[in-house]
Amino acid sequence: MPDVRRGRADDLSTVIALGGPSEEVPGWLDAGALRVAELDGRVVGFAVVEPTFFGHEFVVLVRVADDARRRGAARALLQAIDDDRATEKVFTSTNLSNAPMQEVLRQLGWESSGIVYGLDEGDPELFYRAPPGG
């Protein structure tokens, strides 16, 4: 299982290489919003959690390196965020087309909390809430 920790300045280039928007990553780092997953000493994924969703935390983004998929990085990131929650509720969303993320959320017990149409045309956004209690 991957190890999860808070992001550090030396993770910046790796997080950007994994798909983090270069203009936003420094701010996430400064705000303490960035978590990274390591496998065998290498950062293989990251997640961003912000307290911006109606007063609750929201997992804004989860990304995992192609060669590290199906090895538990997304699961470990989401579990660590839930375990370390700073608000009563934690939410996230994913596209209807993202079946792997939906499966991870289901396995972790996250509950469906709604659908928004029109964000990505033809690919509705599914919203989820972490199980109560963290």
N, C-alpha and C. Protein backbone atom coordinates (compact mmCIF):
# COMPACT_ATOMS: atom_id res chain seq x y z
N MET A 1 0.84 -1.18 0.00
CA MET A 1 0.00 0.00 0.00
C MET A 1 0.89 1.24 0.00
N PRO A 2 0.56 2.21 -0.80
CA PRO A 2 1.36 3.44 -0.84
C PRO A 2 1.31 4.21 0.48
N ASP A 3 2.36 4.96 0.73
CA ASP A 3 2.41 5.88 1.86
C ASP A 3 1.89 7.23 1.39
N VAL A 4 1.12 7.90 2.25
CA VAL A 4 0.58 9.22 1.92
C VAL A 4 1.12 10.24 2.91
N ARG A 5 1.49 11.39 2.39
CA ARG A 5 1.99 12.48 3.24
C ARG A 5 1.58 13.80 2.61
N ARG A 6 1.76 14.86 3.37
CA ARG A 6 1.51 16.21 2.84
C ARG A 6 2.58 16.54 1.80
N GLY A 7 2.19 17.29 0.79
CA GLY A 7 3.13 17.69 -0.24
C GLY A 7 4.19 18.62 0.31
N ARG A 8 5.37 18.56 -0.31
CA ARG A 8 6.50 19.43 0.06
C ARG A 8 6.97 20.16 -1.20
N ALA A 9 7.80 21.17 -0.97
CA ALA A 9 8.31 21.97 -2.09
C ALA A 9 9.04 21.10 -3.12
N ASP A 10 9.75 20.07 -2.67
CA ASP A 10 10.48 19.23 -3.62
C ASP A 10 9.57 18.30 -4.43
N ASP A 11 8.26 18.31 -4.14
CA ASP A 11 7.30 17.52 -4.92
C ASP A 11 6.72 18.30 -6.10
N LEU A 12 6.96 19.60 -6.14
CA LEU A 12 6.32 20.46 -7.13
C LEU A 12 6.46 19.97 -8.56
N SER A 13 7.66 19.70 -9.00
CA SER A 13 7.87 19.30 -10.40
C SER A 13 7.21 17.96 -10.70
N THR A 14 7.24 17.04 -9.75
CA THR A 14 6.61 15.74 -9.96
C THR A 14 5.09 15.88 -10.06
N VAL A 15 4.51 16.68 -9.18
CA VAL A 15 3.06 16.88 -9.21
C VAL A 15 2.64 17.53 -10.52
N ILE A 16 3.41 18.48 -10.99
CA ILE A 16 3.11 19.12 -12.28
C ILE A 16 3.25 18.10 -13.41
N ALA A 17 4.27 17.27 -13.36
CA ALA A 17 4.46 16.23 -14.39
C ALA A 17 3.31 15.22 -14.39
N LEU A 18 2.70 15.00 -13.23
CA LEU A 18 1.56 14.08 -13.13
C LEU A 18 0.25 14.71 -13.57
N GLY A 19 0.30 15.99 -13.94
CA GLY A 19 -0.90 16.64 -14.45
C GLY A 19 -1.44 17.77 -13.59
N GLY A 20 -0.74 18.13 -12.55
CA GLY A 20 -1.17 19.27 -11.74
C GLY A 20 -0.93 20.56 -12.49
N PRO A 21 -1.93 21.44 -12.55
CA PRO A 21 -1.75 22.70 -13.27
C PRO A 21 -0.66 23.56 -12.64
N SER A 22 0.35 23.90 -13.41
CA SER A 22 1.53 24.59 -12.87
C SER A 22 1.19 25.90 -12.18
N GLU A 23 0.12 26.56 -12.61
CA GLU A 23 -0.25 27.82 -11.98
C GLU A 23 -0.95 27.63 -10.62
N GLU A 24 -1.45 26.43 -10.35
CA GLU A 24 -2.18 26.18 -9.10
C GLU A 24 -1.40 25.40 -8.06
N VAL A 25 -0.46 24.57 -8.48
CA VAL A 25 0.25 23.69 -7.55
C VAL A 25 0.95 24.46 -6.43
N PRO A 26 1.67 25.56 -6.70
CA PRO A 26 2.31 26.28 -5.59
C PRO A 26 1.32 26.76 -4.53
N GLY A 27 0.16 27.22 -4.96
CA GLY A 27 -0.87 27.66 -4.01
C GLY A 27 -1.41 26.52 -3.18
N TRP A 28 -1.60 25.36 -3.81
CA TRP A 28 -2.05 24.18 -3.06
C TRP A 28 -1.03 23.80 -2.00
N LEU A 29 0.22 23.86 -2.40
CA LEU A 29 1.31 23.53 -1.47
C LEU A 29 1.31 24.51 -0.29
N ASP A 30 1.25 25.80 -0.58
CA ASP A 30 1.26 26.82 0.47
C ASP A 30 0.06 26.69 1.41
N ALA A 31 -1.09 26.28 0.88
CA ALA A 31 -2.31 26.16 1.67
C ALA A 31 -2.38 24.85 2.45
N GLY A 32 -1.43 23.94 2.22
CA GLY A 32 -1.47 22.64 2.88
C GLY A 32 -2.53 21.72 2.30
N ALA A 33 -2.96 21.99 1.07
CA ALA A 33 -4.03 21.24 0.43
C ALA A 33 -3.55 20.02 -0.34
N LEU A 34 -2.25 19.89 -0.54
CA LEU A 34 -1.68 18.86 -1.39
C LEU A 34 -1.25 17.64 -0.59
N ARG A 35 -1.70 16.46 -1.03
CA ARG A 35 -1.25 15.19 -0.47
C ARG A 35 -0.59 14.40 -1.59
N VAL A 36 0.45 13.66 -1.28
CA VAL A 36 1.11 12.83 -2.28
C VAL A 36 1.16 11.38 -1.80
N ALA A 37 1.13 10.47 -2.77
CA ALA A 37 1.26 9.04 -2.49
C ALA A 37 2.60 8.58 -3.03
N GLU A 38 3.32 7.83 -2.21
CA GLU A 38 4.63 7.29 -2.60
C GLU A 38 4.58 5.77 -2.62
N LEU A 39 5.20 5.21 -3.64
CA LEU A 39 5.42 3.77 -3.76
C LEU A 39 6.91 3.58 -4.00
N ASP A 40 7.53 2.76 -3.20
CA ASP A 40 8.96 2.49 -3.36
C ASP A 40 9.78 3.78 -3.41
N GLY A 41 9.41 4.75 -2.58
CA GLY A 41 10.16 6.00 -2.49
C GLY A 41 9.92 7.00 -3.61
N ARG A 42 8.97 6.72 -4.49
CA ARG A 42 8.68 7.59 -5.63
C ARG A 42 7.26 8.12 -5.53
N VAL A 43 7.09 9.42 -5.74
CA VAL A 43 5.75 10.00 -5.76
C VAL A 43 5.04 9.51 -7.01
N VAL A 44 3.91 8.81 -6.81
CA VAL A 44 3.18 8.23 -7.93
C VAL A 44 1.78 8.81 -8.10
N GLY A 45 1.39 9.67 -7.17
CA GLY A 45 0.07 10.27 -7.27
C GLY A 45 -0.07 11.43 -6.31
N PHE A 46 -1.14 12.19 -6.52
CA PHE A 46 -1.41 13.30 -5.62
C PHE A 46 -2.91 13.56 -5.57
N ALA A 47 -3.32 14.24 -4.52
CA ALA A 47 -4.70 14.68 -4.36
C ALA A 47 -4.68 16.07 -3.75
N VAL A 48 -5.73 16.80 -4.03
CA VAL A 48 -5.89 18.16 -3.50
C VAL A 48 -7.22 18.21 -2.76
N VAL A 49 -7.18 18.67 -1.51
CA VAL A 49 -8.40 18.81 -0.72
C VAL A 49 -8.48 20.25 -0.21
N GLU A 50 -9.63 20.87 -0.46
CA GLU A 50 -9.83 22.27 -0.06
C GLU A 50 -11.13 22.38 0.73
N PRO A 51 -11.17 23.29 1.73
CA PRO A 51 -12.39 23.47 2.54
C PRO A 51 -13.33 24.48 1.89
N THR A 52 -13.69 24.25 0.65
CA THR A 52 -14.40 25.27 -0.12
C THR A 52 -15.79 24.84 -0.60
N PHE A 53 -16.30 23.72 -0.14
CA PHE A 53 -17.58 23.21 -0.64
C PHE A 53 -18.65 23.39 0.43
N PHE A 54 -19.29 24.54 0.42
CA PHE A 54 -20.35 24.84 1.39
C PHE A 54 -19.89 24.60 2.82
N GLY A 55 -18.64 25.01 3.11
CA GLY A 55 -18.10 24.86 4.45
C GLY A 55 -17.52 23.49 4.75
N HIS A 56 -17.44 22.65 3.75
CA HIS A 56 -16.90 21.30 3.92
C HIS A 56 -15.70 21.10 3.00
N GLU A 57 -14.91 20.09 3.32
CA GLU A 57 -13.76 19.77 2.46
C GLU A 57 -14.25 19.11 1.17
N PHE A 58 -13.52 19.41 0.10
CA PHE A 58 -13.82 18.85 -1.21
C PHE A 58 -12.52 18.38 -1.84
N VAL A 59 -12.48 17.12 -2.26
CA VAL A 59 -11.31 16.59 -2.95
C VAL A 59 -11.43 17.07 -4.40
N VAL A 60 -10.62 18.05 -4.73
CA VAL A 60 -10.69 18.74 -6.01
C VAL A 60 -10.13 17.90 -7.14
N LEU A 61 -9.06 17.17 -6.86
CA LEU A 61 -8.34 16.47 -7.91
C LEU A 61 -7.58 15.29 -7.33
N VAL A 62 -7.62 14.18 -8.05
CA VAL A 62 -6.81 13.00 -7.73
C VAL A 62 -6.16 12.56 -9.03
N ARG A 63 -4.85 12.42 -9.02
CA ARG A 63 -4.12 11.96 -10.21
C ARG A 63 -3.12 10.90 -9.80
N VAL A 64 -2.98 9.87 -10.63
CA VAL A 64 -2.03 8.78 -10.38
C VAL A 64 -1.27 8.51 -11.68
N ALA A 65 0.03 8.30 -11.57
CA ALA A 65 0.87 7.98 -12.73
C ALA A 65 0.33 6.73 -13.43
N ASP A 66 0.38 6.74 -14.75
CA ASP A 66 -0.12 5.60 -15.52
C ASP A 66 0.49 4.28 -15.07
N ASP A 67 1.80 4.27 -14.81
CA ASP A 67 2.47 3.02 -14.45
C ASP A 67 2.22 2.60 -13.00
N ALA A 68 1.47 3.41 -12.25
CA ALA A 68 1.18 3.08 -10.85
C ALA A 68 -0.30 2.80 -10.62
N ARG A 69 -1.08 2.83 -11.67
CA ARG A 69 -2.52 2.60 -11.51
C ARG A 69 -2.79 1.16 -11.09
N ARG A 70 -3.89 1.01 -10.37
CA ARG A 70 -4.32 -0.31 -9.86
C ARG A 70 -3.38 -0.83 -8.77
N ARG A 71 -2.65 0.10 -8.12
CA ARG A 71 -1.75 -0.31 -7.04
C ARG A 71 -2.11 0.36 -5.72
N GLY A 72 -3.30 0.99 -5.68
CA GLY A 72 -3.81 1.51 -4.42
C GLY A 72 -3.51 2.96 -4.10
N ALA A 73 -2.92 3.71 -5.03
CA ALA A 73 -2.55 5.09 -4.73
C ALA A 73 -3.78 5.98 -4.53
N ALA A 74 -4.74 5.92 -5.43
CA ALA A 74 -5.94 6.76 -5.29
C ALA A 74 -6.69 6.39 -4.02
N ARG A 75 -6.80 5.11 -3.78
CA ARG A 75 -7.48 4.63 -2.57
C ARG A 75 -6.78 5.15 -1.32
N ALA A 76 -5.45 5.05 -1.29
CA ALA A 76 -4.68 5.51 -0.12
C ALA A 76 -4.82 7.01 0.07
N LEU A 77 -4.80 7.78 -1.01
CA LEU A 77 -4.96 9.23 -0.91
C LEU A 77 -6.33 9.60 -0.34
N LEU A 78 -7.38 9.00 -0.88
CA LEU A 78 -8.72 9.30 -0.41
C LEU A 78 -8.92 8.86 1.04
N GLN A 79 -8.38 7.72 1.39
CA GLN A 79 -8.51 7.24 2.77
C GLN A 79 -7.77 8.16 3.74
N ALA A 80 -6.58 8.61 3.36
CA ALA A 80 -5.82 9.51 4.22
C ALA A 80 -6.54 10.84 4.41
N ILE A 81 -7.12 11.36 3.34
CA ILE A 81 -7.87 12.61 3.44
C ILE A 81 -9.07 12.43 4.36
N ASP A 82 -9.78 11.33 4.19
CA ASP A 82 -10.93 11.06 5.05
C ASP A 82 -10.51 10.89 6.51
N ASP A 83 -9.44 10.16 6.74
CA ASP A 83 -8.96 9.93 8.11
C ASP A 83 -8.53 11.22 8.79
N ASP A 84 -8.05 12.17 8.00
CA ASP A 84 -7.49 13.42 8.52
C ASP A 84 -8.44 14.60 8.29
N ARG A 85 -9.70 14.32 8.10
CA ARG A 85 -10.66 15.38 7.74
C ARG A 85 -10.70 16.48 8.78
N ALA A 86 -10.85 17.71 8.27
CA ALA A 86 -10.94 18.88 9.14
C ALA A 86 -12.38 19.39 9.25
N THR A 87 -13.27 18.83 8.46
CA THR A 87 -14.68 19.21 8.51
C THR A 87 -15.52 17.96 8.71
N GLU A 88 -16.77 18.18 9.12
CA GLU A 88 -17.65 17.05 9.41
C GLU A 88 -17.86 16.16 8.19
N LYS A 89 -17.94 16.78 7.03
CA LYS A 89 -18.21 16.05 5.79
C LYS A 89 -17.10 16.32 4.78
N VAL A 90 -16.84 15.32 3.94
CA VAL A 90 -15.88 15.45 2.85
C VAL A 90 -16.58 15.00 1.57
N PHE A 91 -16.44 15.78 0.52
CA PHE A 91 -17.07 15.49 -0.76
C PHE A 91 -16.03 15.40 -1.86
N THR A 92 -16.41 14.78 -2.96
CA THR A 92 -15.63 14.80 -4.19
C THR A 92 -16.57 14.59 -5.36
N SER A 93 -16.03 14.65 -6.56
CA SER A 93 -16.84 14.37 -7.74
C SER A 93 -15.95 13.75 -8.81
N THR A 94 -16.62 13.10 -9.74
CA THR A 94 -15.93 12.51 -10.89
C THR A 94 -16.91 12.41 -12.04
N ASN A 95 -16.40 12.31 -13.23
CA ASN A 95 -17.27 12.18 -14.39
C ASN A 95 -17.90 10.80 -14.45
N LEU A 96 -19.07 10.74 -15.07
CA LEU A 96 -19.75 9.47 -15.29
C LEU A 96 -18.86 8.49 -16.06
N SER A 97 -18.01 9.01 -16.94
CA SER A 97 -17.12 8.17 -17.75
C SER A 97 -15.95 7.59 -16.96
N ASN A 98 -15.71 8.07 -15.74
CA ASN A 98 -14.54 7.63 -14.96
C ASN A 98 -14.92 6.47 -14.04
N ALA A 99 -15.14 5.30 -14.64
CA ALA A 99 -15.53 4.11 -13.88
C ALA A 99 -14.49 3.69 -12.84
N PRO A 100 -13.18 3.77 -13.11
CA PRO A 100 -12.21 3.37 -12.08
C PRO A 100 -12.34 4.21 -10.79
N MET A 101 -12.53 5.52 -10.92
CA MET A 101 -12.68 6.36 -9.73
C MET A 101 -13.97 6.03 -9.00
N GLN A 102 -15.03 5.81 -9.74
CA GLN A 102 -16.30 5.43 -9.11
C GLN A 102 -16.15 4.15 -8.31
N GLU A 103 -15.40 3.20 -8.83
CA GLU A 103 -15.18 1.93 -8.13
C GLU A 103 -14.38 2.14 -6.85
N VAL A 104 -13.34 2.96 -6.90
CA VAL A 104 -12.56 3.26 -5.69
C VAL A 104 -13.46 3.89 -4.63
N LEU A 105 -14.26 4.86 -5.04
CA LEU A 105 -15.15 5.52 -4.09
C LEU A 105 -16.15 4.52 -3.49
N ARG A 106 -16.70 3.65 -4.31
CA ARG A 106 -17.63 2.63 -3.83
C ARG A 106 -16.95 1.72 -2.81
N GLN A 107 -15.74 1.26 -3.13
CA GLN A 107 -15.01 0.38 -2.22
C GLN A 107 -14.72 1.04 -0.87
N LEU A 108 -14.53 2.35 -0.88
CA LEU A 108 -14.25 3.09 0.35
C LEU A 108 -15.53 3.50 1.09
N GLY A 109 -16.68 3.18 0.52
CA GLY A 109 -17.94 3.47 1.19
C GLY A 109 -18.48 4.88 0.97
N TRP A 110 -17.92 5.60 -0.01
CA TRP A 110 -18.43 6.94 -0.29
C TRP A 110 -19.83 6.79 -0.90
N GLU A 111 -20.74 7.69 -0.54
CA GLU A 111 -22.13 7.62 -0.97
C GLU A 111 -22.41 8.65 -2.06
N SER A 112 -23.22 8.27 -3.02
CA SER A 112 -23.64 9.20 -4.07
C SER A 112 -24.43 10.33 -3.43
N SER A 113 -24.14 11.56 -3.86
CA SER A 113 -24.87 12.70 -3.29
C SER A 113 -25.40 13.64 -4.37
N GLY A 114 -25.39 13.22 -5.62
CA GLY A 114 -26.01 14.03 -6.66
C GLY A 114 -25.28 14.00 -7.99
N ILE A 115 -25.93 14.57 -8.98
CA ILE A 115 -25.39 14.62 -10.34
C ILE A 115 -25.57 16.05 -10.86
N VAL A 116 -24.56 16.56 -11.53
CA VAL A 116 -24.65 17.87 -12.18
C VAL A 116 -24.41 17.66 -13.67
N TYR A 117 -25.34 18.14 -14.45
CA TYR A 117 -25.24 18.06 -15.91
C TYR A 117 -24.70 19.38 -16.46
N GLY A 118 -23.94 19.29 -17.54
CA GLY A 118 -23.53 20.48 -18.26
C GLY A 118 -22.14 21.01 -17.94
N LEU A 119 -21.46 20.45 -16.95
CA LEU A 119 -20.08 20.90 -16.68
C LEU A 119 -19.17 20.45 -17.82
N ASP A 120 -19.19 19.16 -18.09
CA ASP A 120 -18.49 18.59 -19.25
C ASP A 120 -19.60 18.05 -20.15
N GLU A 121 -19.81 18.69 -21.26
CA GLU A 121 -20.92 18.35 -22.14
C GLU A 121 -20.94 16.86 -22.46
N GLY A 122 -22.06 16.21 -22.19
CA GLY A 122 -22.23 14.80 -22.49
C GLY A 122 -21.60 13.86 -21.48
N ASP A 123 -21.02 14.38 -20.40
CA ASP A 123 -20.37 13.54 -19.39
C ASP A 123 -20.68 14.10 -17.99
N PRO A 124 -21.85 13.76 -17.44
CA PRO A 124 -22.28 14.34 -16.17
C PRO A 124 -21.26 14.13 -15.05
N GLU A 125 -21.28 15.05 -14.10
CA GLU A 125 -20.41 15.00 -12.93
C GLU A 125 -21.18 14.35 -11.78
N LEU A 126 -20.62 13.27 -11.23
CA LEU A 126 -21.23 12.55 -10.11
C LEU A 126 -20.56 13.02 -8.82
N PHE A 127 -21.36 13.40 -7.84
CA PHE A 127 -20.84 13.87 -6.56
C PHE A 127 -20.99 12.78 -5.51
N TYR A 128 -20.00 12.71 -4.61
CA TYR A 128 -19.95 11.69 -3.57
C TYR A 128 -19.60 12.33 -2.23
N ARG A 129 -20.06 11.68 -1.16
CA ARG A 129 -19.74 12.09 0.21
C ARG A 129 -19.08 10.93 0.92
N ALA A 130 -18.00 11.24 1.65
CA ALA A 130 -17.30 10.21 2.43
C ALA A 130 -18.22 9.69 3.52
N PRO A 131 -18.01 8.45 3.97
CA PRO A 131 -18.83 7.92 5.05
C PRO A 131 -18.69 8.79 6.30
N PRO A 132 -19.75 8.90 7.09
CA PRO A 132 -19.68 9.71 8.31
C PRO A 132 -18.58 9.23 9.25
N GLY A 133 -17.97 10.17 9.93
CA GLY A 133 -17.03 9.83 10.99
C GLY A 133 -15.58 9.80 10.63
N GLY A 134 -15.23 9.67 9.39
CA GLY A 134 -13.82 9.66 8.99
C GLY A 134 -13.14 8.48 9.44
